[in-house]
Amino acid sequence: MAASLSRPLHLRLRGGGGGHRLLASRASTSTAPPPPPPPPAAAAAAAPTPSGARKEASAWSKLFLFAPGAITFGLGTWQLFRRQEKIEMLDYRTRRLEMEPVAWNETASSAALRDPAELEFRKIVCEGDFDEEKSVFVGPRSRSISGVTENGYYVITPLIPRSTDGSLQSPILVNRGWVPRGWRDKNIKDHQILDETSELKEAVKKMDEKGSWWKFWSKEPKSSPEIEKPGKPPVRVIGVIRGSEKPSIFVPANEPLSGQWFYVDVPMIARACGLPENTVYIEDINEDASATNPYPVPKDVNTLIRHSVMPQDHLKYTFTWYTLSAAVTYMASKRIKTKKVRL
């Protein structure tokens, strides 16, 4: 009987164990773990890298670093070309000023009016009379005397040539030289007084002509050519033909109506003096100043040859630009080497 009871119990235990194993296998099948993620090296290899864009950006950054050095080097080279141009220009002016002076006659006048550059920087000799009532003062212009700087003006006056051979010559504008401020103020005041006196004489003359009885008794004797006083001797001017000045942006514009002239504009000054716009303009270089009549002071010939920027100045500018170019290029190369070391 005991054997009969143990057999069913053994069968149940085997059946229960088999069901347990079956449930475990089903559970393990339904809850399988996900596959492991790929390693970081594989992910980096899978993602594409923009190596071309990085190389292009690096090339542009290098060009940007060397750009200031290239620009300053170009400016230094340009100064060398400008220096050579100035040397040729100064030689041209010197040769022209060393030529014999040209007499201002009808031939020279027509040639200068036709092509002013043909006689530029040539000495001109002319005789005539100054029309000082139409003088123009350009300034202020400073002048240094024994280390003392004094402000003044350039006085430009029309010169009416005297005809020697019966030919008609055109008037010219003459820069007579530098005058101090007091001389200019006195000259303007004298001309104002002269104008007022002439106007008063004209008014008195008109009033006298109204009365017939006064006209009969105040007949003035006519002057004959034999007893006329000799005329004033002509003024001899030796000058150099020049052109208009090129003012900088800091120089104000001329005001002809108010009589303020800040730079030489030949056509504008000619119009203000009642002359044609193509009037020839010369700068007086006569050295005939005396102790009794020291003004105006004519220009020195050397000042006509000189330029605001001389060849030696261009050499200084060249050295400055080249030095700056070398310094900037050196700093750019050091910067690139530092980046390579960091990489």
C-alpha atoms as a PDB file:
ATOM      1  CA  MET A   1       0.000   0.000   0.000  1.00  0.00           C
ATOM      2  CA  ALA A   2       2.808   2.338   0.676  1.00  0.00           C
ATOM      3  CA  ALA A   3       4.198   1.617  -2.763  1.00  0.00           C
ATOM      4  CA  SER A   4       0.893   2.456  -4.319  1.00  0.00           C
ATOM      5  CA  LEU A   5       0.756   5.863  -2.583  1.00  0.00           C
ATOM      6  CA  SER A   6       4.348   6.876  -3.425  1.00  0.00           C
ATOM      7  CA  ARG A   7       3.967   6.355  -7.160  1.00  0.00           C
ATOM      8  CA  PRO A   8       1.223   9.023  -7.779  1.00  0.00           C
ATOM      9  CA  LEU A   9       3.153  11.450  -5.542  1.00  0.00           C
ATOM     10  CA  HIS A  10       6.280  10.990  -7.648  1.00  0.00           C
ATOM     11  CA  LEU A  11       4.290  11.566 -10.818  1.00  0.00           C
ATOM     12  CA  ARG A  12       2.856  14.817  -9.438  1.00  0.00           C
ATOM     13  CA  LEU A  13       6.254  16.054  -8.422  1.00  0.00           C
ATOM     14  CA  ARG A  14       7.631  15.401 -11.897  1.00  0.00           C
ATOM     15  CA  GLY A  15       4.619  17.050 -13.489  1.00  0.00           C
ATOM     16  CA  GLY A  16       4.960  20.131 -11.282  1.00  0.00           C
ATOM     17  CA  GLY A  17       8.633  20.436 -12.061  1.00  0.00           C
ATOM     18  CA  GLY A  18       8.031  20.232 -15.783  1.00  0.00           C
ATOM     19  CA  GLY A  19       5.428  23.012 -15.650  1.00  0.00           C
ATOM     20  CA  HIS A  20       7.846  25.194 -13.766  1.00  0.00           C
ATOM     21  CA  ARG A  21      10.515  24.763 -16.347  1.00  0.00           C
ATOM     22  CA  LEU A  22       8.033  25.497 -19.143  1.00  0.00           C
ATOM     23  CA  LEU A  23       6.872  28.746 -17.504  1.00  0.00           C
ATOM     24  CA  ALA A  24      10.457  29.809 -16.931  1.00  0.00           C
ATOM     25  CA  SER A  25      11.368  29.240 -20.547  1.00  0.00           C
ATOM     26  CA  ARG A  26       8.351  31.252 -21.742  1.00  0.00           C
ATOM     27  CA  ALA A  27       9.173  34.129 -19.397  1.00  0.00           C
ATOM     28  CA  SER A  28      12.779  34.179 -20.532  1.00  0.00           C
ATOM     29  CA  THR A  29      11.658  34.256 -24.157  1.00  0.00           C
ATOM     30  CA  SER A  30       9.250  37.198 -23.667  1.00  0.00           C
ATOM     31  CA  THR A  31      11.654  39.389 -21.569  1.00  0.00           C
ATOM     32  CA  ALA A  32      14.857  39.181 -23.697  1.00  0.00           C
ATOM     33  CA  PRO A  33      17.299  42.157 -23.018  1.00  0.00           C
ATOM     34  CA  PRO A  34      17.981  44.753 -25.890  1.00  0.00           C
ATOM     35  CA  PRO A  35      21.269  44.562 -27.812  1.00  0.00           C
ATOM     36  CA  PRO A  36      24.157  46.565 -26.288  1.00  0.00           C
ATOM     37  CA  PRO A  37      24.835  50.087 -27.769  1.00  0.00           C
ATOM     38  CA  PRO A  38      27.707  50.457 -30.239  1.00  0.00           C
ATOM     39  CA  PRO A  39      31.015  51.638 -28.839  1.00  0.00           C
ATOM     40  CA  PRO A  40      31.875  55.366 -29.063  1.00  0.00           C
ATOM     41  CA  ALA A  41      34.606  54.778 -31.632  1.00  0.00           C
ATOM     42  CA  ALA A  42      32.161  53.167 -33.992  1.00  0.00           C
ATOM     43  CA  ALA A  43      29.675  56.075 -33.587  1.00  0.00           C
ATOM     44  CA  ALA A  44      32.373  58.625 -34.345  1.00  0.00           C
ATOM     45  CA  ALA A  45      33.398  56.681 -37.432  1.00  0.00           C
ATOM     46  CA  ALA A  46      29.806  56.553 -38.617  1.00  0.00           C
ATOM     47  CA  ALA A  47      29.273  60.403 -38.336  1.00  0.00           C
ATOM     48  CA  PRO A  48      30.834  62.351 -41.313  1.00  0.00           C
ATOM     49  CA  THR A  49      33.356  65.166 -40.321  1.00  0.00           C
ATOM     50  CA  PRO A  50      33.444  68.553 -42.271  1.00  0.00           C
ATOM     51  CA  SER A  51      37.217  68.491 -42.787  1.00  0.00           C
ATOM     52  CA  GLY A  52      36.993  70.519 -46.046  1.00  0.00           C
ATOM     53  CA  ALA A  53      35.100  73.357 -44.363  1.00  0.00           C
ATOM     54  CA  ARG A  54      37.651  73.476 -41.532  1.00  0.00           C
ATOM     55  CA  LYS A  55      40.558  73.692 -43.965  1.00  0.00           C
ATOM     56  CA  GLU A  56      38.863  76.478 -45.901  1.00  0.00           C
ATOM     57  CA  ALA A  57      38.189  78.483 -42.738  1.00  0.00           C
ATOM     58  CA  SER A  58      41.804  78.026 -41.658  1.00  0.00           C
ATOM     59  CA  ALA A  59      43.075  79.306 -45.034  1.00  0.00           C
ATOM     60  CA  TRP A  60      40.864  82.410 -44.857  1.00  0.00           C
ATOM     61  CA  SER A  61      42.000  83.153 -41.302  1.00  0.00           C
ATOM     62  CA  LYS A  62      45.641  82.998 -42.421  1.00  0.00           C
ATOM     63  CA  LEU A  63      44.952  85.362 -45.309  1.00  0.00           C
ATOM     64  CA  PHE A  64      43.208  87.748 -42.938  1.00  0.00           C
ATOM     65  CA  LEU A  65      46.211  87.788 -40.612  1.00  0.00           C
ATOM     66  CA  PHE A  66      48.632  88.592 -43.446  1.00  0.00           C
ATOM     67  CA  ALA A  67      46.376  91.202 -45.136  1.00  0.00           C
ATOM     68  CA  PRO A  68      47.591  94.217 -43.061  1.00  0.00           C
ATOM     69  CA  GLY A  69      51.202  93.366 -43.860  1.00  0.00           C
ATOM     70  CA  ALA A  70      50.471  93.184 -47.595  1.00  0.00           C
ATOM     71  CA  ILE A  71      48.569  96.502 -47.563  1.00  0.00           C
ATOM     72  CA  THR A  72      51.318  98.394 -45.710  1.00  0.00           C
ATOM     73  CA  PHE A  73      53.944  96.905 -48.027  1.00  0.00           C
ATOM     74  CA  GLY A  74      51.965  98.186 -51.022  1.00  0.00           C
ATOM     75  CA  LEU A  75      51.751 101.658 -49.507  1.00  0.00           C
ATOM     76  CA  GLY A  76      55.509 101.723 -48.992  1.00  0.00           C
ATOM     77  CA  THR A  77      56.102 100.731 -52.613  1.00  0.00           C
ATOM     78  CA  TRP A  78      53.675 103.423 -53.782  1.00  0.00           C
ATOM     79  CA  GLN A  79      55.719 106.020 -51.875  1.00  0.00           C
ATOM     80  CA  LEU A  80      58.794 104.998 -53.883  1.00  0.00           C
ATOM     81  CA  PHE A  81      56.931 105.675 -57.141  1.00  0.00           C
ATOM     82  CA  ARG A  82      55.732 109.031 -55.807  1.00  0.00           C
ATOM     83  CA  ARG A  83      59.291 109.948 -54.867  1.00  0.00           C
ATOM     84  CA  GLN A  84      60.469 109.325 -58.419  1.00  0.00           C
ATOM     85  CA  GLU A  85      57.617 111.457 -59.800  1.00  0.00           C
ATOM     86  CA  LYS A  86      58.575 114.331 -57.482  1.00  0.00           C
ATOM     87  CA  ILE A  87      62.229 114.149 -58.574  1.00  0.00           C
ATOM     88  CA  GLU A  88      61.211 114.419 -62.224  1.00  0.00           C
ATOM     89  CA  MET A  89      58.800 117.268 -61.460  1.00  0.00           C
ATOM     90  CA  LEU A  90      61.440 119.282 -59.571  1.00  0.00           C
ATOM     91  CA  ASP A  91      63.939 118.779 -62.396  1.00  0.00           C
ATOM     92  CA  TYR A  92      61.348 120.003 -64.887  1.00  0.00           C
ATOM     93  CA  ARG A  93      60.643 123.154 -62.851  1.00  0.00           C
ATOM     94  CA  THR A  94      64.336 123.892 -62.382  1.00  0.00           C
ATOM     95  CA  ARG A  95      65.062 123.614 -66.111  1.00  0.00           C
ATOM     96  CA  ARG A  96      62.141 125.883 -66.989  1.00  0.00           C
ATOM     97  CA  LEU A  97      63.138 128.562 -64.477  1.00  0.00           C
ATOM     98  CA  GLU A  98      66.717 128.588 -65.750  1.00  0.00           C
ATOM     99  CA  MET A  99      65.566 129.564 -69.261  1.00  0.00           C
ATOM    100  CA  GLU A 100      65.714 133.140 -70.509  1.00  0.00           C
ATOM    101  CA  PRO A 101      62.685 135.295 -69.597  1.00  0.00           C
ATOM    102  CA  VAL A 102      59.987 135.682 -72.240  1.00  0.00           C
ATOM    103  CA  ALA A 103      58.871 139.201 -73.143  1.00  0.00           C
ATOM    104  CA  TRP A 104      55.148 139.623 -72.677  1.00  0.00           C
ATOM    105  CA  ASN A 105      53.966 140.642 -76.132  1.00  0.00           C
ATOM    106  CA  GLU A 106      51.132 139.730 -78.440  1.00  0.00           C
ATOM    107  CA  THR A 107      52.777 136.434 -79.424  1.00  0.00           C
ATOM    108  CA  ALA A 108      53.415 135.308 -75.864  1.00  0.00           C
ATOM    109  CA  SER A 109      49.958 136.462 -74.810  1.00  0.00           C
ATOM    110  CA  SER A 110      48.203 134.453 -77.518  1.00  0.00           C
ATOM    111  CA  ALA A 111      50.346 131.371 -76.784  1.00  0.00           C
ATOM    112  CA  ALA A 112      49.593 131.550 -73.051  1.00  0.00           C
ATOM    113  CA  LEU A 113      45.872 131.987 -73.656  1.00  0.00           C
ATOM    114  CA  ARG A 114      45.842 129.095 -76.111  1.00  0.00           C
ATOM    115  CA  ASP A 115      47.786 126.648 -73.908  1.00  0.00           C
ATOM    116  CA  PRO A 116      48.725 127.902 -70.401  1.00  0.00           C
ATOM    117  CA  ALA A 117      50.868 124.792 -69.764  1.00  0.00           C
ATOM    118  CA  GLU A 118      53.191 125.812 -72.617  1.00  0.00           C
ATOM    119  CA  LEU A 119      54.600 128.721 -70.595  1.00  0.00           C
ATOM    120  CA  GLU A 120      54.096 127.335 -67.092  1.00  0.00           C
ATOM    121  CA  PHE A 121      57.134 127.925 -64.846  1.00  0.00           C
ATOM    122  CA  ARG A 122      58.675 130.208 -67.488  1.00  0.00           C
ATOM    123  CA  LYS A 123      59.834 133.670 -66.481  1.00  0.00           C
ATOM    124  CA  ILE A 124      57.792 136.518 -68.007  1.00  0.00           C
ATOM    125  CA  VAL A 125      58.873 140.168 -68.325  1.00  0.00           C
ATOM    126  CA  CYS A 126      56.084 142.720 -68.616  1.00  0.00           C
ATOM    127  CA  GLU A 127      55.765 146.481 -68.256  1.00  0.00           C
ATOM    128  CA  GLY A 128      52.538 148.230 -67.431  1.00  0.00           C
ATOM    129  CA  ASP A 129      50.441 149.873 -64.745  1.00  0.00           C
ATOM    130  CA  PHE A 130      48.866 148.281 -61.698  1.00  0.00           C
ATOM    131  CA  ASP A 131      45.130 148.764 -61.232  1.00  0.00           C
ATOM    132  CA  GLU A 132      45.417 148.842 -57.441  1.00  0.00           C
ATOM    133  CA  GLU A 133      41.749 149.640 -56.909  1.00  0.00           C
ATOM    134  CA  LYS A 134      40.978 146.060 -57.991  1.00  0.00           C
ATOM    135  CA  SER A 135      43.556 144.400 -55.743  1.00  0.00           C
ATOM    136  CA  VAL A 136      42.580 141.119 -54.108  1.00  0.00           C
ATOM    137  CA  PHE A 137      44.044 139.926 -50.792  1.00  0.00           C
ATOM    138  CA  VAL A 138      44.346 136.146 -50.375  1.00  0.00           C
ATOM    139  CA  GLY A 139      44.920 134.804 -46.902  1.00  0.00           C
ATOM    140  CA  PRO A 140      45.702 134.722 -44.129  1.00  0.00           C
ATOM    141  CA  ARG A 141      49.212 133.495 -44.991  1.00  0.00           C
ATOM    142  CA  SER A 142      51.984 133.322 -42.402  1.00  0.00           C
ATOM    143  CA  ARG A 143      55.598 134.365 -42.934  1.00  0.00           C
ATOM    144  CA  SER A 144      58.501 133.638 -40.629  1.00  0.00           C
ATOM    145  CA  ILE A 145      61.135 136.365 -40.161  1.00  0.00           C
ATOM    146  CA  SER A 146      64.073 135.594 -37.833  1.00  0.00           C
ATOM    147  CA  GLY A 147      62.025 132.964 -36.053  1.00  0.00           C
ATOM    148  CA  VAL A 148      59.022 135.276 -35.590  1.00  0.00           C
ATOM    149  CA  THR A 149      55.851 134.266 -37.427  1.00  0.00           C
ATOM    150  CA  GLU A 150      53.590 137.034 -38.695  1.00  0.00           C
ATOM    151  CA  ASN A 151      50.233 136.691 -40.420  1.00  0.00           C
ATOM    152  CA  GLY A 152      49.492 138.525 -43.619  1.00  0.00           C
ATOM    153  CA  TYR A 153      48.129 138.203 -47.138  1.00  0.00           C
ATOM    154  CA  TYR A 154      49.143 137.767 -50.751  1.00  0.00           C
ATOM    155  CA  VAL A 155      48.119 140.793 -52.795  1.00  0.00           C
ATOM    156  CA  ILE A 156      47.015 140.065 -56.378  1.00  0.00           C
ATOM    157  CA  THR A 157      46.605 143.074 -58.679  1.00  0.00           C
ATOM    158  CA  PRO A 158      45.696 143.353 -62.378  1.00  0.00           C
ATOM    159  CA  LEU A 159      48.534 144.664 -64.522  1.00  0.00           C
ATOM    160  CA  ILE A 160      47.563 146.609 -67.653  1.00  0.00           C
ATOM    161  CA  PRO A 161      50.490 146.242 -70.114  1.00  0.00           C
ATOM    162  CA  ARG A 162      51.702 149.279 -72.022  1.00  0.00           C
ATOM    163  CA  SER A 163      51.902 148.802 -75.752  1.00  0.00           C
ATOM    164  CA  THR A 164      55.351 149.500 -77.163  1.00  0.00           C
ATOM    165  CA  ASP A 165      54.894 148.459 -80.793  1.00  0.00           C
ATOM    166  CA  GLY A 166      51.249 149.382 -81.240  1.00  0.00           C
ATOM    167  CA  SER A 167      49.977 145.848 -80.514  1.00  0.00           C
ATOM    168  CA  LEU A 168      47.214 145.192 -78.015  1.00  0.00           C
ATOM    169  CA  GLN A 169      48.256 143.022 -75.075  1.00  0.00           C
ATOM    170  CA  SER A 170      45.936 141.272 -72.640  1.00  0.00           C
ATOM    171  CA  PRO A 171      45.958 142.255 -68.945  1.00  0.00           C
ATOM    172  CA  ILE A 172      47.449 139.775 -66.489  1.00  0.00           C
ATOM    173  CA  LEU A 173      47.005 139.024 -62.803  1.00  0.00           C
ATOM    174  CA  VAL A 174      50.156 139.518 -60.738  1.00  0.00           C
ATOM    175  CA  ASN A 175      50.747 138.068 -57.295  1.00  0.00           C
ATOM    176  CA  ARG A 176      52.931 140.905 -56.054  1.00  0.00           C
ATOM    177  CA  GLY A 177      53.907 139.089 -52.852  1.00  0.00           C
ATOM    178  CA  TRP A 178      53.237 139.046 -49.130  1.00  0.00           C
ATOM    179  CA  VAL A 179      52.013 142.003 -47.088  1.00  0.00           C
ATOM    180  CA  PRO A 180      51.279 142.223 -43.338  1.00  0.00           C
ATOM    181  CA  ARG A 181      47.766 142.588 -42.025  1.00  0.00           C
ATOM    182  CA  GLY A 182      48.263 146.273 -41.154  1.00  0.00           C
ATOM    183  CA  TRP A 183      49.409 147.087 -44.685  1.00  0.00           C
ATOM    184  CA  ARG A 184      46.310 145.453 -46.097  1.00  0.00           C
ATOM    185  CA  ASP A 185      43.952 147.307 -43.732  1.00  0.00           C
ATOM    186  CA  LYS A 186      45.647 150.638 -44.528  1.00  0.00           C
ATOM    187  CA  ASN A 187      45.421 149.976 -48.268  1.00  0.00           C
ATOM    188  CA  ILE A 188      41.708 149.205 -48.072  1.00  0.00           C
ATOM    189  CA  LYS A 189      41.067 152.321 -45.965  1.00  0.00           C
ATOM    190  CA  ASP A 190      43.014 154.555 -48.380  1.00  0.00           C
ATOM    191  CA  HIS A 191      41.015 153.293 -51.337  1.00  0.00           C
ATOM    192  CA  GLN A 192      37.764 153.864 -49.470  1.00  0.00           C
ATOM    193  CA  ILE A 193      38.780 157.470 -48.782  1.00  0.00           C
ATOM    194  CA  LEU A 194      39.813 157.883 -52.419  1.00  0.00           C
ATOM    195  CA  ASP A 195      36.469 156.562 -53.626  1.00  0.00           C
ATOM    196  CA  GLU A 196      34.577 158.891 -51.314  1.00  0.00           C
ATOM    197  CA  THR A 197      36.646 161.865 -52.517  1.00  0.00           C
ATOM    198  CA  SER A 198      36.054 161.039 -56.175  1.00  0.00           C
ATOM    199  CA  GLU A 199      32.318 160.652 -55.553  1.00  0.00           C
ATOM    200  CA  LEU A 200      32.235 164.035 -53.785  1.00  0.00           C
ATOM    201  CA  LYS A 201      34.039 165.688 -56.703  1.00  0.00           C
ATOM    202  CA  GLU A 202      31.553 164.207 -59.150  1.00  0.00           C
ATOM    203  CA  ALA A 203      28.626 165.463 -57.072  1.00  0.00           C
ATOM    204  CA  VAL A 204      30.108 168.985 -56.851  1.00  0.00           C
ATOM    205  CA  LYS A 205      30.754 168.999 -60.583  1.00  0.00           C
ATOM    206  CA  LYS A 206      27.147 168.080 -61.339  1.00  0.00           C
ATOM    207  CA  MET A 207      25.872 170.803 -59.031  1.00  0.00           C
ATOM    208  CA  ASP A 208      28.140 173.390 -60.704  1.00  0.00           C
ATOM    209  CA  GLU A 209      26.921 172.420 -64.151  1.00  0.00           C
ATOM    210  CA  LYS A 210      23.306 173.210 -63.168  1.00  0.00           C
ATOM    211  CA  GLY A 211      23.927 176.955 -62.775  1.00  0.00           C
ATOM    212  CA  SER A 212      24.614 178.715 -66.098  1.00  0.00           C
ATOM    213  CA  TRP A 213      26.013 181.876 -64.475  1.00  0.00           C
ATOM    214  CA  TRP A 214      28.459 179.815 -62.392  1.00  0.00           C
ATOM    215  CA  LYS A 215      29.359 177.778 -65.463  1.00  0.00           C
ATOM    216  CA  PHE A 216      30.229 181.045 -67.315  1.00  0.00           C
ATOM    217  CA  TRP A 217      32.500 182.340 -64.567  1.00  0.00           C
ATOM    218  CA  SER A 218      34.120 179.003 -63.666  1.00  0.00           C
ATOM    219  CA  LYS A 219      35.411 177.990 -67.052  1.00  0.00           C
ATOM    220  CA  GLU A 220      38.579 175.973 -66.611  1.00  0.00           C
ATOM    221  CA  PRO A 221      41.310 176.398 -69.165  1.00  0.00           C
ATOM    222  CA  LYS A 222      41.837 173.420 -71.399  1.00  0.00           C
ATOM    223  CA  SER A 223      45.134 171.761 -70.875  1.00  0.00           C
ATOM    224  CA  SER A 224      47.334 171.329 -73.903  1.00  0.00           C
ATOM    225  CA  PRO A 225      49.482 168.251 -74.479  1.00  0.00           C
ATOM    226  CA  GLU A 226      52.616 170.395 -74.430  1.00  0.00           C
ATOM    227  CA  ILE A 227      52.152 171.498 -70.814  1.00  0.00           C
ATOM    228  CA  GLU A 228      50.762 168.225 -69.439  1.00  0.00           C
ATOM    229  CA  LYS A 229      52.769 166.657 -66.694  1.00  0.00           C
ATOM    230  CA  PRO A 230      54.756 163.576 -67.624  1.00  0.00           C
ATOM    231  CA  GLY A 231      53.001 160.300 -66.875  1.00  0.00           C
ATOM    232  CA  LYS A 232      54.013 157.785 -64.250  1.00  0.00           C
ATOM    233  CA  PRO A 233      56.753 155.419 -65.424  1.00  0.00           C
ATOM    234  CA  PRO A 234      55.607 151.867 -66.097  1.00  0.00           C
ATOM    235  CA  VAL A 235      56.122 149.096 -63.595  1.00  0.00           C
ATOM    236  CA  ARG A 236      58.478 146.324 -64.702  1.00  0.00           C
ATOM    237  CA  VAL A 237      57.432 142.903 -63.487  1.00  0.00           C
ATOM    238  CA  ILE A 238      59.399 139.659 -63.709  1.00  0.00           C
ATOM    239  CA  GLY A 239      57.212 136.737 -62.768  1.00  0.00           C
ATOM    240  CA  VAL A 240      56.512 133.065 -63.314  1.00  0.00           C
ATOM    241  CA  ILE A 241      53.301 131.770 -64.871  1.00  0.00           C
ATOM    242  CA  ARG A 242      51.341 129.642 -62.420  1.00  0.00           C
ATOM    243  CA  GLY A 243      47.880 128.152 -62.106  1.00  0.00           C
ATOM    244  CA  SER A 244      45.152 128.007 -59.488  1.00  0.00           C
ATOM    245  CA  GLU A 245      45.804 126.503 -56.069  1.00  0.00           C
ATOM    246  CA  LYS A 246      44.241 123.211 -55.005  1.00  0.00           C
ATOM    247  CA  PRO A 247      42.784 123.824 -51.543  1.00  0.00           C
ATOM    248  CA  SER A 248      42.428 121.078 -48.964  1.00  0.00           C
ATOM    249  CA  ILE A 249      39.116 120.079 -47.430  1.00  0.00           C
ATOM    250  CA  PHE A 250      39.860 122.274 -44.411  1.00  0.00           C
ATOM    251  CA  VAL A 251      40.139 125.510 -46.438  1.00  0.00           C
ATOM    252  CA  PRO A 252      36.819 127.417 -46.618  1.00  0.00           C
ATOM    253  CA  ALA A 253      35.339 128.528 -49.914  1.00  0.00           C
ATOM    254  CA  ASN A 254      36.074 131.960 -51.344  1.00  0.00           C
ATOM    255  CA  GLU A 255      33.480 134.683 -50.869  1.00  0.00           C
ATOM    256  CA  PRO A 256      33.951 137.265 -53.648  1.00  0.00           C
ATOM    257  CA  LEU A 257      30.943 139.350 -52.601  1.00  0.00           C
ATOM    258  CA  SER A 258      32.411 139.985 -49.142  1.00  0.00           C
ATOM    259  CA  GLY A 259      35.992 140.220 -50.410  1.00  0.00           C
ATOM    260  CA  GLN A 260      37.247 137.161 -48.516  1.00  0.00           C
ATOM    261  CA  TRP A 261      39.728 135.055 -50.488  1.00  0.00           C
ATOM    262  CA  PHE A 262      41.273 131.995 -48.853  1.00  0.00           C
ATOM    263  CA  TYR A 263      43.045 130.441 -51.859  1.00  0.00           C
ATOM    264  CA  VAL A 264      44.015 131.419 -55.398  1.00  0.00           C
ATOM    265  CA  ASP A 265      41.273 130.629 -57.901  1.00  0.00           C
ATOM    266  CA  VAL A 266      42.398 132.369 -61.090  1.00  0.00           C
ATOM    267  CA  PRO A 267      39.070 132.323 -63.032  1.00  0.00           C
ATOM    268  CA  MET A 268      37.128 133.522 -59.977  1.00  0.00           C
ATOM    269  CA  ILE A 269      39.586 136.319 -59.199  1.00  0.00           C
ATOM    270  CA  ALA A 270      39.604 137.370 -62.872  1.00  0.00           C
ATOM    271  CA  ARG A 271      35.808 137.654 -62.864  1.00  0.00           C
ATOM    272  CA  ALA A 272      35.919 139.726 -59.674  1.00  0.00           C
ATOM    273  CA  CYS A 273      38.412 142.095 -61.355  1.00  0.00           C
ATOM    274  CA  GLY A 274      36.323 142.392 -64.520  1.00  0.00           C
ATOM    275  CA  LEU A 275      38.753 140.343 -66.637  1.00  0.00           C
ATOM    276  CA  PRO A 276      38.228 137.221 -68.778  1.00  0.00           C
ATOM    277  CA  GLU A 277      38.362 133.877 -67.002  1.00  0.00           C
ATOM    278  CA  ASN A 278      41.363 132.754 -69.064  1.00  0.00           C
ATOM    279  CA  THR A 279      43.502 135.647 -67.809  1.00  0.00           C
ATOM    280  CA  VAL A 280      47.138 134.677 -67.239  1.00  0.00           C
ATOM    281  CA  TYR A 281      48.292 134.598 -63.612  1.00  0.00           C
ATOM    282  CA  ILE A 282      51.952 135.145 -62.669  1.00  0.00           C
ATOM    283  CA  GLU A 283      53.830 135.322 -59.369  1.00  0.00           C
ATOM    284  CA  ASP A 284      56.303 138.184 -59.035  1.00  0.00           C
ATOM    285  CA  ILE A 285      59.884 137.158 -58.213  1.00  0.00           C
ATOM    286  CA  ASN A 286      61.479 140.604 -58.411  1.00  0.00           C
ATOM    287  CA  GLU A 287      63.891 141.284 -55.566  1.00  0.00           C
ATOM    288  CA  ASP A 288      63.600 145.056 -55.725  1.00  0.00           C
ATOM    289  CA  ALA A 289      62.303 145.606 -52.189  1.00  0.00           C
ATOM    290  CA  SER A 290      63.834 148.652 -50.544  1.00  0.00           C
ATOM    291  CA  ALA A 291      63.922 149.963 -47.007  1.00  0.00           C
ATOM    292  CA  THR A 292      61.493 152.769 -47.873  1.00  0.00           C
ATOM    293  CA  ASN A 293      59.061 150.465 -49.671  1.00  0.00           C
ATOM    294  CA  PRO A 294      59.511 146.968 -48.225  1.00  0.00           C
ATOM    295  CA  TYR A 295      56.074 145.648 -49.154  1.00  0.00           C
ATOM    296  CA  PRO A 296      54.865 143.637 -50.951  1.00  0.00           C
ATOM    297  CA  VAL A 297      57.595 141.005 -50.496  1.00  0.00           C
ATOM    298  CA  PRO A 298      57.906 138.962 -53.729  1.00  0.00           C
ATOM    299  CA  LYS A 299      58.166 135.205 -53.616  1.00  0.00           C
ATOM    300  CA  ASP A 300      61.522 133.477 -53.626  1.00  0.00           C
ATOM    301  CA  VAL A 301      62.299 131.330 -56.672  1.00  0.00           C
ATOM    302  CA  ASN A 302      63.189 128.395 -54.422  1.00  0.00           C
ATOM    303  CA  THR A 303      59.688 128.395 -52.969  1.00  0.00           C
ATOM    304  CA  LEU A 304      58.315 127.940 -56.497  1.00  0.00           C
ATOM    305  CA  ILE A 305      60.517 124.899 -57.054  1.00  0.00           C
ATOM    306  CA  ARG A 306      59.716 123.314 -53.718  1.00  0.00           C
ATOM    307  CA  HIS A 307      56.681 121.142 -53.068  1.00  0.00           C
ATOM    308  CA  SER A 308      54.716 120.502 -49.905  1.00  0.00           C
ATOM    309  CA  VAL A 309      56.021 116.895 -49.893  1.00  0.00           C
ATOM    310  CA  MET A 310      59.630 116.614 -51.075  1.00  0.00           C
ATOM    311  CA  PRO A 311      61.417 113.402 -52.216  1.00  0.00           C
ATOM    312  CA  GLN A 312      63.157 112.966 -48.840  1.00  0.00           C
ATOM    313  CA  ASP A 313      59.750 113.023 -47.177  1.00  0.00           C
ATOM    314  CA  HIS A 314      58.631 110.148 -49.392  1.00  0.00           C
ATOM    315  CA  LEU A 315      61.676 108.157 -48.254  1.00  0.00           C
ATOM    316  CA  LYS A 316      60.638 108.651 -44.629  1.00  0.00           C
ATOM    317  CA  TYR A 317      57.113 107.492 -45.442  1.00  0.00           C
ATOM    318  CA  THR A 318      58.509 104.443 -47.260  1.00  0.00           C
ATOM    319  CA  PHE A 319      60.627 103.442 -44.258  1.00  0.00           C
ATOM    320  CA  THR A 320      57.622 103.855 -41.952  1.00  0.00           C
ATOM    321  CA  TRP A 321      55.310 101.698 -44.092  1.00  0.00           C
ATOM    322  CA  TYR A 322      57.901  98.972 -44.643  1.00  0.00           C
ATOM    323  CA  THR A 323      58.697  98.810 -40.925  1.00  0.00           C
ATOM    324  CA  LEU A 324      55.027  98.543 -40.080  1.00  0.00           C
ATOM    325  CA  SER A 325      54.581  95.811 -42.713  1.00  0.00           C
ATOM    326  CA  ALA A 326      57.456  93.766 -41.275  1.00  0.00           C
ATOM    327  CA  ALA A 327      56.110  94.090 -37.722  1.00  0.00           C
ATOM    328  CA  VAL A 328      52.575  93.065 -38.670  1.00  0.00           C
ATOM    329  CA  THR A 329      53.787  90.120 -40.770  1.00  0.00           C
ATOM    330  CA  TYR A 330      56.025  88.897 -37.925  1.00  0.00           C
ATOM    331  CA  MET A 331      53.117  89.002 -35.449  1.00  0.00           C
ATOM    332  CA  ALA A 332      50.883  87.107 -37.895  1.00  0.00           C
ATOM    333  CA  SER A 333      53.488  84.331 -38.361  1.00  0.00           C
ATOM    334  CA  LYS A 334      53.952  84.021 -34.590  1.00  0.00           C
ATOM    335  CA  ARG A 335      50.209  83.695 -34.188  1.00  0.00           C
ATOM    336  CA  ILE A 336      50.011  80.847 -36.718  1.00  0.00           C
ATOM    337  CA  LYS A 337      52.910  78.970 -35.074  1.00  0.00           C
ATOM    338  CA  THR A 338      51.197  79.236 -31.701  1.00  0.00           C
ATOM    339  CA  LYS A 339      48.042  77.624 -33.109  1.00  0.00           C
ATOM    340  CA  LYS A 340      50.026  74.721 -34.583  1.00  0.00           C
ATOM    341  CA  VAL A 341      51.712  74.037 -31.213  1.00  0.00           C
ATOM    342  CA  ARG A 342      48.334  73.939 -29.469  1.00  0.00           C
ATOM    343  CA  LEU A 343      47.052  71.417 -31.985  1.00  0.00           C
END
